[in-house]
């Protein structure tokens, strides 16, 4: 005779594997491609004056950032919120350092020629 308690419910760990078709990923991919090709199009066709062109590219880049964060990097998931913030802060620091360093190098290079 089995003396173990069995109530008919299986206790399993919650799986992070998503079931079904990955619509979020497909939408993110399509949006990313559309934003990238929109930027490429406005640059190659010279559709805008230089000031408007730079503004348009920055706006499209910001949209691209949000698409990446929310659809691919799962920023809105509840697990690991503290680590997400730390990773974001470090990523922003690295991006700022690369951009600022590149601008500084280009400015120094053009003045020394």
N, C-alpha and C. Protein backbone atom coordinates (compact mmCIF):
# COMPACT_ATOMS: atom_id res chain seq x y z
N UNK A 1 0.83 -1.17 0.00
CA UNK A 1 0.00 0.00 0.00
C UNK A 1 0.88 1.23 0.00
N UNK A 2 0.54 2.18 -0.85
CA UNK A 2 1.32 3.41 -0.99
C UNK A 2 0.91 4.39 0.09
N UNK A 3 1.87 4.81 0.92
CA UNK A 3 1.55 5.74 2.00
C UNK A 3 1.90 7.18 1.65
N UNK A 4 2.43 7.42 0.47
CA UNK A 4 2.78 8.80 0.10
C UNK A 4 1.52 9.57 -0.27
N UNK A 5 1.56 10.85 -0.01
CA UNK A 5 0.41 11.72 -0.28
C UNK A 5 0.45 12.16 -1.75
N UNK A 6 -0.62 11.91 -2.46
CA UNK A 6 -0.72 12.31 -3.86
C UNK A 6 -2.09 12.91 -4.08
N UNK A 7 -2.12 14.22 -4.35
CA UNK A 7 -3.42 14.89 -4.51
C UNK A 7 -3.80 15.10 -5.97
N UNK A 8 -3.05 14.54 -6.89
CA UNK A 8 -3.40 14.66 -8.29
C UNK A 8 -2.80 15.87 -8.99
N UNK A 9 -2.13 16.74 -8.25
CA UNK A 9 -1.52 17.94 -8.84
C UNK A 9 -0.02 17.74 -8.95
N UNK A 10 0.48 18.01 -10.12
CA UNK A 10 1.92 17.92 -10.33
C UNK A 10 2.54 19.28 -10.03
N UNK A 11 3.58 19.29 -9.22
CA UNK A 11 4.28 20.53 -8.89
C UNK A 11 5.55 20.59 -9.73
N UNK A 12 5.53 21.47 -10.71
CA UNK A 12 6.68 21.61 -11.57
C UNK A 12 7.14 23.06 -11.56
N UNK A 13 8.39 23.26 -11.90
CA UNK A 13 8.93 24.61 -11.99
C UNK A 13 8.30 25.34 -13.17
N UNK A 14 8.12 26.62 -13.01
CA UNK A 14 7.56 27.43 -14.08
C UNK A 14 8.58 27.54 -15.20
N UNK A 15 8.16 27.22 -16.38
CA UNK A 15 9.05 27.25 -17.52
C UNK A 15 9.02 28.63 -18.18
N UNK A 16 10.18 29.10 -18.62
CA UNK A 16 10.24 30.38 -19.33
C UNK A 16 10.09 30.18 -20.82
N UNK A 17 9.92 28.94 -21.26
CA UNK A 17 9.74 28.65 -22.67
C UNK A 17 8.35 29.09 -23.10
N UNK A 18 8.30 29.91 -24.17
CA UNK A 18 7.01 30.39 -24.65
C UNK A 18 6.43 29.38 -25.63
N UNK A 19 5.15 29.18 -25.49
CA UNK A 19 4.44 28.27 -26.38
C UNK A 19 3.82 29.07 -27.50
N UNK A 20 3.65 28.44 -28.65
CA UNK A 20 2.99 29.09 -29.77
C UNK A 20 3.96 29.85 -30.65
N UNK A 21 3.38 30.52 -31.61
CA UNK A 21 4.17 31.26 -32.59
C UNK A 21 4.72 32.55 -31.96
N UNK A 22 5.98 32.88 -32.19
CA UNK A 22 6.60 34.05 -31.55
C UNK A 22 6.22 35.38 -32.25
N UNK A 23 4.98 35.80 -32.11
CA UNK A 23 4.50 37.00 -32.79
C UNK A 23 5.29 38.24 -32.39
N UNK A 24 5.63 38.34 -31.12
CA UNK A 24 6.37 39.50 -30.63
C UNK A 24 7.72 39.63 -31.35
N UNK A 25 8.38 38.52 -31.55
CA UNK A 25 9.67 38.53 -32.23
C UNK A 25 9.53 38.89 -33.71
N UNK A 26 8.50 38.37 -34.35
CA UNK A 26 8.26 38.67 -35.76
C UNK A 26 7.94 40.16 -35.94
N UNK A 27 7.08 40.69 -35.07
CA UNK A 27 6.74 42.12 -35.15
C UNK A 27 7.98 42.96 -34.91
N UNK A 28 8.80 42.58 -33.95
CA UNK A 28 10.04 43.31 -33.68
C UNK A 28 10.99 43.28 -34.86
N UNK A 29 11.11 42.13 -35.50
CA UNK A 29 11.97 42.01 -36.67
C UNK A 29 11.48 42.90 -37.81
N UNK A 30 10.18 42.86 -38.08
CA UNK A 30 9.62 43.66 -39.17
C UNK A 30 9.79 45.15 -38.88
N UNK A 31 9.51 45.56 -37.64
CA UNK A 31 9.68 46.97 -37.29
C UNK A 31 11.14 47.40 -37.38
N UNK A 32 12.05 46.56 -36.92
CA UNK A 32 13.47 46.88 -37.00
C UNK A 32 13.92 47.05 -38.45
N UNK A 33 13.50 46.13 -39.30
CA UNK A 33 13.86 46.23 -40.72
C UNK A 33 13.26 47.47 -41.36
N UNK A 34 11.99 47.77 -41.04
CA UNK A 34 11.34 48.95 -41.61
C UNK A 34 12.04 50.22 -41.18
N UNK A 35 12.41 50.32 -39.91
CA UNK A 35 13.11 51.52 -39.43
C UNK A 35 14.50 51.65 -40.05
N UNK A 36 15.19 50.53 -40.21
CA UNK A 36 16.51 50.56 -40.82
C UNK A 36 16.42 50.97 -42.28
N UNK A 37 15.49 50.39 -43.03
CA UNK A 37 15.35 50.74 -44.44
C UNK A 37 14.83 52.16 -44.63
N UNK A 38 14.01 52.65 -43.69
CA UNK A 38 13.56 54.04 -43.76
C UNK A 38 14.74 54.99 -43.61
N UNK A 39 15.61 54.71 -42.68
CA UNK A 39 16.83 55.53 -42.50
C UNK A 39 17.70 55.48 -43.74
N UNK A 40 17.91 54.30 -44.26
CA UNK A 40 18.73 54.14 -45.45
C UNK A 40 18.13 54.89 -46.64
N UNK A 41 16.82 54.80 -46.78
CA UNK A 41 16.14 55.46 -47.89
C UNK A 41 16.29 56.99 -47.83
N UNK A 42 16.08 57.56 -46.67
CA UNK A 42 16.16 59.02 -46.60
C UNK A 42 17.59 59.52 -46.79
N UNK A 43 18.56 58.71 -46.46
CA UNK A 43 19.96 59.10 -46.68
C UNK A 43 20.33 58.96 -48.16
N UNK A 44 19.99 57.84 -48.75
CA UNK A 44 20.40 57.59 -50.14
C UNK A 44 19.66 58.46 -51.15
N UNK A 45 18.43 58.84 -50.84
CA UNK A 45 17.67 59.65 -51.80
C UNK A 45 17.85 61.15 -51.58
N UNK A 46 18.56 61.53 -50.54
CA UNK A 46 18.75 62.95 -50.20
C UNK A 46 17.40 63.65 -50.14
N UNK A 47 16.41 62.99 -49.53
CA UNK A 47 15.04 63.47 -49.50
C UNK A 47 14.86 64.69 -48.59
N UNK A 48 15.79 64.93 -47.68
CA UNK A 48 15.66 66.01 -46.72
C UNK A 48 16.93 66.86 -46.67
N UNK A 49 16.79 68.12 -46.26
CA UNK A 49 17.99 68.92 -46.00
C UNK A 49 18.79 68.31 -44.85
N UNK A 50 20.05 68.66 -44.72
CA UNK A 50 20.95 68.00 -43.77
C UNK A 50 20.45 68.07 -42.32
N UNK A 51 19.92 69.20 -41.90
CA UNK A 51 19.41 69.32 -40.52
C UNK A 51 18.23 68.41 -40.28
N UNK A 52 17.30 68.39 -41.21
CA UNK A 52 16.12 67.53 -41.09
C UNK A 52 16.52 66.06 -41.22
N UNK A 53 17.52 65.78 -42.04
CA UNK A 53 18.01 64.42 -42.22
C UNK A 53 18.57 63.87 -40.91
N UNK A 54 19.39 64.65 -40.25
CA UNK A 54 19.97 64.21 -38.98
C UNK A 54 18.88 64.02 -37.93
N UNK A 55 17.93 64.95 -37.89
CA UNK A 55 16.82 64.83 -36.94
C UNK A 55 16.01 63.57 -37.22
N UNK A 56 15.71 63.30 -38.48
CA UNK A 56 14.94 62.11 -38.84
C UNK A 56 15.68 60.83 -38.46
N UNK A 57 16.98 60.79 -38.68
CA UNK A 57 17.76 59.60 -38.33
C UNK A 57 17.77 59.39 -36.82
N UNK A 58 17.91 60.47 -36.07
CA UNK A 58 17.90 60.34 -34.61
C UNK A 58 16.53 59.85 -34.13
N UNK A 59 15.46 60.39 -34.68
CA UNK A 59 14.11 59.96 -34.29
C UNK A 59 13.91 58.48 -34.63
N UNK A 60 14.32 58.07 -35.81
CA UNK A 60 14.20 56.66 -36.20
C UNK A 60 15.08 55.77 -35.30
N UNK A 61 16.23 56.27 -34.91
CA UNK A 61 17.11 55.50 -34.02
C UNK A 61 16.48 55.32 -32.64
N UNK A 62 15.81 56.35 -32.14
CA UNK A 62 15.15 56.24 -30.84
C UNK A 62 14.01 55.21 -30.93
N UNK A 63 13.23 55.24 -32.01
CA UNK A 63 12.20 54.22 -32.19
C UNK A 63 12.81 52.83 -32.25
N UNK A 64 13.93 52.72 -32.94
CA UNK A 64 14.63 51.43 -33.04
C UNK A 64 15.07 50.96 -31.65
N UNK A 65 15.53 51.88 -30.83
CA UNK A 65 15.93 51.56 -29.46
C UNK A 65 14.77 50.96 -28.67
N UNK A 66 13.61 51.60 -28.76
CA UNK A 66 12.44 51.09 -28.02
C UNK A 66 11.97 49.74 -28.56
N UNK A 67 12.03 49.55 -29.87
CA UNK A 67 11.68 48.25 -30.44
C UNK A 67 12.61 47.17 -29.88
N UNK A 68 13.90 47.46 -29.85
CA UNK A 68 14.87 46.48 -29.35
C UNK A 68 14.64 46.18 -27.87
N UNK A 69 14.42 47.23 -27.08
CA UNK A 69 14.28 47.05 -25.64
C UNK A 69 13.02 46.27 -25.27
N UNK A 70 11.91 46.61 -25.88
CA UNK A 70 10.65 46.02 -25.45
C UNK A 70 10.30 44.72 -26.16
N UNK A 71 10.72 44.56 -27.40
CA UNK A 71 10.33 43.35 -28.13
C UNK A 71 11.40 42.27 -28.13
N UNK A 72 12.67 42.65 -28.05
CA UNK A 72 13.73 41.63 -28.09
C UNK A 72 14.41 41.42 -26.74
N UNK A 73 14.63 42.49 -25.99
CA UNK A 73 15.38 42.36 -24.74
C UNK A 73 14.47 42.15 -23.53
N UNK A 74 13.16 42.10 -23.75
CA UNK A 74 12.18 41.76 -22.71
C UNK A 74 12.32 42.66 -21.48
N UNK A 75 12.43 43.95 -21.72
CA UNK A 75 12.61 44.90 -20.63
C UNK A 75 11.42 44.92 -19.69
N UNK A 76 10.24 44.61 -20.17
CA UNK A 76 9.04 44.70 -19.35
C UNK A 76 8.76 43.45 -18.52
N UNK A 77 9.59 42.43 -18.66
CA UNK A 77 9.38 41.24 -17.84
C UNK A 77 9.70 41.54 -16.39
N UNK A 78 8.97 40.94 -15.49
CA UNK A 78 9.10 41.24 -14.06
C UNK A 78 10.37 40.65 -13.45
N UNK A 79 10.85 39.54 -13.97
CA UNK A 79 12.02 38.91 -13.36
C UNK A 79 13.28 39.66 -13.74
N UNK A 80 14.13 39.88 -12.77
CA UNK A 80 15.43 40.49 -13.03
C UNK A 80 15.36 41.98 -13.30
N UNK A 81 14.42 42.69 -12.70
CA UNK A 81 14.28 44.12 -12.96
C UNK A 81 15.53 44.88 -12.55
N UNK A 82 16.10 44.55 -11.42
CA UNK A 82 17.31 45.23 -10.94
C UNK A 82 18.47 44.99 -11.90
N UNK A 83 18.63 43.77 -12.36
CA UNK A 83 19.73 43.47 -13.29
C UNK A 83 19.47 44.15 -14.64
N UNK A 84 18.19 44.27 -15.04
CA UNK A 84 17.88 44.98 -16.29
C UNK A 84 18.31 46.44 -16.19
N UNK A 85 18.05 47.08 -15.06
CA UNK A 85 18.43 48.48 -14.88
C UNK A 85 19.94 48.63 -14.88
N UNK A 86 20.63 47.73 -14.21
CA UNK A 86 22.09 47.77 -14.20
C UNK A 86 22.68 47.57 -15.59
N UNK A 87 22.12 46.62 -16.32
CA UNK A 87 22.59 46.37 -17.69
C UNK A 87 22.32 47.57 -18.59
N UNK A 88 21.15 48.20 -18.41
CA UNK A 88 20.83 49.39 -19.20
C UNK A 88 21.79 50.53 -18.89
N UNK A 89 22.08 50.75 -17.63
CA UNK A 89 23.00 51.82 -17.23
C UNK A 89 24.38 51.57 -17.81
N UNK A 90 24.85 50.34 -17.73
CA UNK A 90 26.16 50.02 -18.29
C UNK A 90 26.17 50.18 -19.81
N UNK A 91 25.11 49.73 -20.46
CA UNK A 91 25.00 49.88 -21.91
C UNK A 91 24.99 51.34 -22.34
N UNK A 92 24.26 52.18 -21.61
CA UNK A 92 24.25 53.61 -21.92
C UNK A 92 25.62 54.23 -21.70
N UNK A 93 26.31 53.81 -20.65
CA UNK A 93 27.67 54.31 -20.40
C UNK A 93 28.61 53.93 -21.56
N UNK A 94 28.55 52.69 -21.98
CA UNK A 94 29.41 52.23 -23.09
C UNK A 94 29.06 52.98 -24.38
N UNK A 95 27.78 53.12 -24.67
CA UNK A 95 27.36 53.83 -25.89
C UNK A 95 27.81 55.28 -25.84
N UNK A 96 27.62 55.95 -24.71
CA UNK A 96 28.04 57.34 -24.57
C UNK A 96 29.55 57.47 -24.74
N UNK A 97 30.30 56.56 -24.13
CA UNK A 97 31.76 56.60 -24.24
C UNK A 97 32.21 56.42 -25.68
N UNK A 98 31.61 55.51 -26.39
CA UNK A 98 31.99 55.26 -27.79
C UNK A 98 31.64 56.46 -28.66
N UNK A 99 30.43 57.00 -28.50
CA UNK A 99 30.01 58.14 -29.32
C UNK A 99 30.85 59.37 -28.99
N UNK A 100 31.00 59.68 -27.70
CA UNK A 100 31.78 60.87 -27.31
C UNK A 100 33.24 60.72 -27.72
N UNK A 101 33.79 59.54 -27.56
CA UNK A 101 35.18 59.30 -27.97
C UNK A 101 35.35 59.43 -29.47
N UNK A 102 34.39 58.93 -30.23
CA UNK A 102 34.46 59.03 -31.69
C UNK A 102 34.38 60.49 -32.14
N UNK A 103 33.48 61.24 -31.53
CA UNK A 103 33.36 62.66 -31.88
C UNK A 103 34.64 63.40 -31.52
N UNK A 104 35.19 63.11 -30.36
CA UNK A 104 36.43 63.76 -29.94
C UNK A 104 37.59 63.43 -30.89
N UNK A 105 37.70 62.16 -31.27
CA UNK A 105 38.77 61.75 -32.19
C UNK A 105 38.60 62.41 -33.54
N UNK A 106 37.37 62.45 -34.06
CA UNK A 106 37.14 63.08 -35.37
C UNK A 106 37.43 64.57 -35.31
N UNK A 107 37.07 65.22 -34.21
CA UNK A 107 37.34 66.66 -34.09
C UNK A 107 38.84 66.91 -33.99
N UNK A 108 39.55 66.08 -33.24
CA UNK A 108 40.99 66.24 -33.10
C UNK A 108 41.70 65.94 -34.41
N UNK A 109 41.24 64.93 -35.13
CA UNK A 109 41.84 64.53 -36.40
C UNK A 109 41.67 65.63 -37.44
N UNK A 110 40.53 66.28 -37.48
CA UNK A 110 40.31 67.32 -38.49
C UNK A 110 41.09 68.58 -38.17
N UNK A 111 41.38 68.85 -36.91
CA UNK A 111 42.14 70.05 -36.57
C UNK A 111 43.63 69.84 -36.73
N UNK A 112 44.11 68.58 -36.74
CA UNK A 112 45.54 68.33 -36.86
C UNK A 112 45.98 68.14 -38.30
N UNK A 113 45.05 68.07 -39.24
CA UNK A 113 45.40 67.85 -40.64
C UNK A 113 45.84 69.11 -41.32
